[in-house]
Amino acid sequence: MGQIFISLLTILFSGLLATIVTHYLATSHQEKQFRRQKLEELYFSMDGFCTFFVSFHSYWPDVMDGKIPYMAALNAQIEAGSDKKNERYHQTAEMLLNIYFPALLPSFDAIMARRDSVNKILGAFQKQYKASGPDASNSQFTGRFNQAILDFDTEHSRFNHELFKIAKAIH
């Protein structure tokens, strides 16, 4: 009788242990899939935001150099900005970072600092343009503006590098 009881207990505990291990493995796989999905969503959101930001500002160096009128660049920005999906890129990325990937926040903040640098140079140019109109002195902003855009793009590349390191760790 004792031998049967021990055998039944062994079978019961083996089944319980197998159930726990199977549940853990399934949950672990689902968690990895979920994190990968969120990481992909973050990648596309940040890429969309950064690509849109650069293209949104692509007209200004030509205005600074007097190659196109100020209003042409402004109208192009207004048209590009009317697509509401573009404003969702930033919001989606910020949400995903804060909820799922806070380790990437410093890289995100670096991108935002570069964005602010671009906008500061653009603001100074626009202020001068409004005061003096089209003028050869406006070209003084072109080099700094282009460098600020390159710096922005460099931070975007760094962000992607950090994101890909997380993706590899999820495997």
Protein backbone atom coordinates (compact mmCIF):
# COMPACT_ATOMS: atom_id res chain seq x y z
CA MET A 1 0.00 0.00 0.00
CA GLY A 2 2.81 2.43 0.86
CA GLN A 3 4.54 1.59 -2.42
CA ILE A 4 1.38 2.43 -4.41
CA PHE A 5 0.93 5.69 -2.49
CA ILE A 6 4.51 6.77 -3.25
CA SER A 7 4.07 5.85 -6.92
CA LEU A 8 0.84 7.86 -7.14
CA LEU A 9 2.46 10.80 -5.37
CA THR A 10 5.42 10.66 -7.80
CA ILE A 11 3.09 10.63 -10.80
CA LEU A 12 1.06 13.51 -9.36
CA PHE A 13 4.13 15.66 -8.66
CA SER A 14 5.63 14.83 -12.08
CA GLY A 15 2.39 15.94 -13.77
CA LEU A 16 2.27 19.11 -11.67
CA LEU A 17 5.90 19.91 -12.43
CA ALA A 18 5.35 19.30 -16.15
CA THR A 19 2.34 21.62 -16.10
CA ILE A 20 4.30 24.37 -14.35
CA VAL A 21 7.24 24.08 -16.75
CA THR A 22 4.95 24.05 -19.80
CA HIS A 23 3.07 27.09 -18.52
CA TYR A 24 6.32 28.95 -17.83
CA LEU A 25 7.69 28.20 -21.29
CA ALA A 26 4.46 29.23 -23.02
CA THR A 27 4.22 32.43 -20.99
CA SER A 28 7.88 33.21 -21.61
CA HIS A 29 7.41 32.75 -25.37
CA GLN A 30 4.29 34.93 -25.37
CA GLU A 31 6.13 37.63 -23.39
CA LYS A 32 9.01 37.60 -25.88
CA GLN A 33 6.59 37.84 -28.80
CA PHE A 34 4.75 40.71 -27.13
CA ARG A 35 7.97 42.63 -26.40
CA ARG A 36 9.21 42.07 -29.96
CA GLN A 37 5.92 43.38 -31.31
CA LYS A 38 6.13 46.49 -29.13
CA LEU A 39 9.76 47.00 -30.10
CA GLU A 40 8.82 46.83 -33.79
CA GLU A 41 6.04 49.33 -33.19
CA LEU A 42 8.53 51.61 -31.41
CA TYR A 43 11.01 51.29 -34.27
CA PHE A 44 8.43 52.25 -36.90
CA SER A 45 7.10 55.11 -34.77
CA MET A 46 10.54 56.60 -34.19
CA ASP A 47 11.56 56.07 -37.78
CA GLY A 48 8.35 57.74 -38.95
CA PHE A 49 8.86 60.66 -36.58
CA CYS A 50 12.51 61.20 -37.50
CA THR A 51 11.96 60.79 -41.24
CA PHE A 52 9.02 63.18 -41.14
CA PHE A 53 10.98 65.72 -39.07
CA VAL A 54 13.87 65.79 -41.55
CA SER A 55 11.62 65.96 -44.61
CA PHE A 56 9.42 68.59 -42.92
CA HIS A 57 12.47 70.82 -42.55
CA SER A 58 14.12 69.98 -45.88
CA TYR A 59 12.95 73.17 -47.63
CA TRP A 60 14.55 75.65 -45.25
CA PRO A 61 18.18 75.51 -46.45
CA ASP A 62 16.98 76.53 -49.92
CA VAL A 63 15.09 79.45 -48.40
CA MET A 64 18.15 80.43 -46.36
CA ASP A 65 20.24 80.41 -49.54
CA GLY A 66 17.59 82.40 -51.45
CA LYS A 67 16.80 79.57 -53.88
CA ILE A 68 13.09 79.31 -53.06
CA PRO A 69 10.63 81.77 -51.51
CA TYR A 70 9.85 81.63 -47.80
CA MET A 71 6.14 81.12 -48.49
CA ALA A 72 6.84 78.11 -50.72
CA ALA A 73 8.62 76.36 -47.81
CA LEU A 74 5.91 77.38 -45.38
CA ASN A 75 3.15 76.11 -47.69
CA ALA A 76 5.00 72.81 -48.17
CA GLN A 77 5.27 72.44 -44.39
CA ILE A 78 1.61 73.21 -43.90
CA GLU A 79 0.66 70.62 -46.52
CA ALA A 80 2.97 67.97 -45.04
CA GLY A 81 1.78 68.78 -41.53
CA SER A 82 -1.88 68.32 -42.43
CA ASP A 83 -1.43 64.53 -42.40
CA LYS A 84 -2.40 63.66 -38.82
CA LYS A 85 -0.61 60.30 -38.84
CA ASN A 86 2.66 62.22 -38.59
CA GLU A 87 1.83 63.67 -35.19
CA ARG A 88 0.96 60.20 -33.92
CA TYR A 89 4.49 58.89 -34.54
CA HIS A 90 5.94 60.95 -31.70
CA GLN A 91 3.06 60.22 -29.33
CA THR A 92 3.20 56.48 -29.99
CA ALA A 93 6.96 56.35 -29.55
CA GLU A 94 6.85 58.32 -26.31
CA MET A 95 4.11 56.07 -24.91
CA LEU A 96 5.95 52.85 -25.84
CA LEU A 97 9.20 54.15 -24.38
CA ASN A 98 7.65 55.14 -21.09
CA ILE A 99 5.62 51.96 -20.66
CA TYR A 100 7.81 49.20 -22.10
CA PHE A 101 11.33 50.47 -22.82
CA PRO A 102 12.37 53.16 -20.32
CA ALA A 103 16.02 52.16 -20.83
CA LEU A 104 15.79 53.88 -24.23
CA LEU A 105 14.56 57.19 -22.79
CA PRO A 106 18.05 58.78 -22.65
CA SER A 107 18.50 58.06 -26.38
CA PHE A 108 15.03 59.45 -27.07
CA ASP A 109 15.85 62.56 -25.02
CA ALA A 110 19.04 63.03 -27.06
CA ILE A 111 16.96 63.01 -30.24
CA MET A 112 14.57 65.55 -28.74
CA ALA A 113 17.50 67.77 -27.74
CA ARG A 114 18.75 67.67 -31.34
CA ARG A 115 15.23 68.45 -32.54
CA ASP A 116 15.22 71.49 -30.26
CA SER A 117 18.59 72.60 -31.69
CA VAL A 118 17.21 72.44 -35.23
CA ASN A 119 14.13 74.39 -34.20
CA LYS A 120 16.21 77.01 -32.38
CA ILE A 121 18.29 77.69 -35.50
CA LEU A 122 15.16 77.76 -37.64
CA GLY A 123 13.52 80.17 -35.20
CA ALA A 124 16.50 82.53 -35.35
CA PHE A 125 16.45 82.40 -39.15
CA GLN A 126 12.71 83.06 -39.28
CA LYS A 127 13.06 86.00 -36.90
CA GLN A 128 15.78 87.53 -39.09
CA TYR A 129 13.83 86.80 -42.27
CA LYS A 130 10.74 88.54 -40.92
CA ALA A 131 12.87 91.56 -40.03
CA SER A 132 14.87 91.80 -43.26
CA GLY A 133 13.14 89.59 -45.82
CA PRO A 134 15.12 87.70 -48.43
CA ASP A 135 18.71 88.72 -47.92
CA ALA A 136 22.13 87.21 -48.61
CA SER A 137 22.88 87.31 -44.87
CA ASN A 138 20.26 84.60 -44.33
CA SER A 139 22.71 82.06 -45.74
CA GLN A 140 24.66 82.30 -42.47
CA PHE A 141 22.10 79.86 -41.04
CA THR A 142 22.47 77.19 -43.73
CA GLY A 143 25.62 75.50 -42.44
CA ARG A 144 24.48 75.41 -38.81
CA PHE A 145 21.01 74.23 -39.83
CA ASN A 146 22.36 71.43 -42.03
CA GLN A 147 24.75 70.35 -39.27
CA ALA A 148 21.91 70.32 -36.75
CA ILE A 149 19.89 68.10 -39.10
CA LEU A 150 22.88 65.75 -39.47
CA ASP A 151 23.28 65.66 -35.67
CA PHE A 152 19.59 64.83 -35.36
CA ASP A 153 20.00 61.99 -37.83
CA THR A 154 23.07 60.73 -35.95
CA GLU A 155 21.07 60.56 -32.72
CA HIS A 156 18.35 58.68 -34.58
CA SER A 157 20.96 56.14 -35.71
CA ARG A 158 22.24 55.80 -32.13
CA PHE A 159 18.70 55.23 -30.93
CA ASN A 160 18.23 52.47 -33.52
CA HIS A 161 21.50 50.87 -32.42
CA GLU A 162 20.29 50.76 -28.81
CA LEU A 163 16.91 49.44 -29.91
CA PHE A 164 18.53 46.65 -31.93
CA LYS A 165 20.62 45.64 -28.91
CA ILE A 166 17.40 45.19 -26.93
CA ALA A 167 15.87 43.23 -29.81
CA LYS A 168 18.83 40.85 -29.85
CA ALA A 169 18.58 40.37 -26.08
CA ILE A 170 14.91 39.38 -26.40
CA HIS A 171 15.78 36.29 -28.47
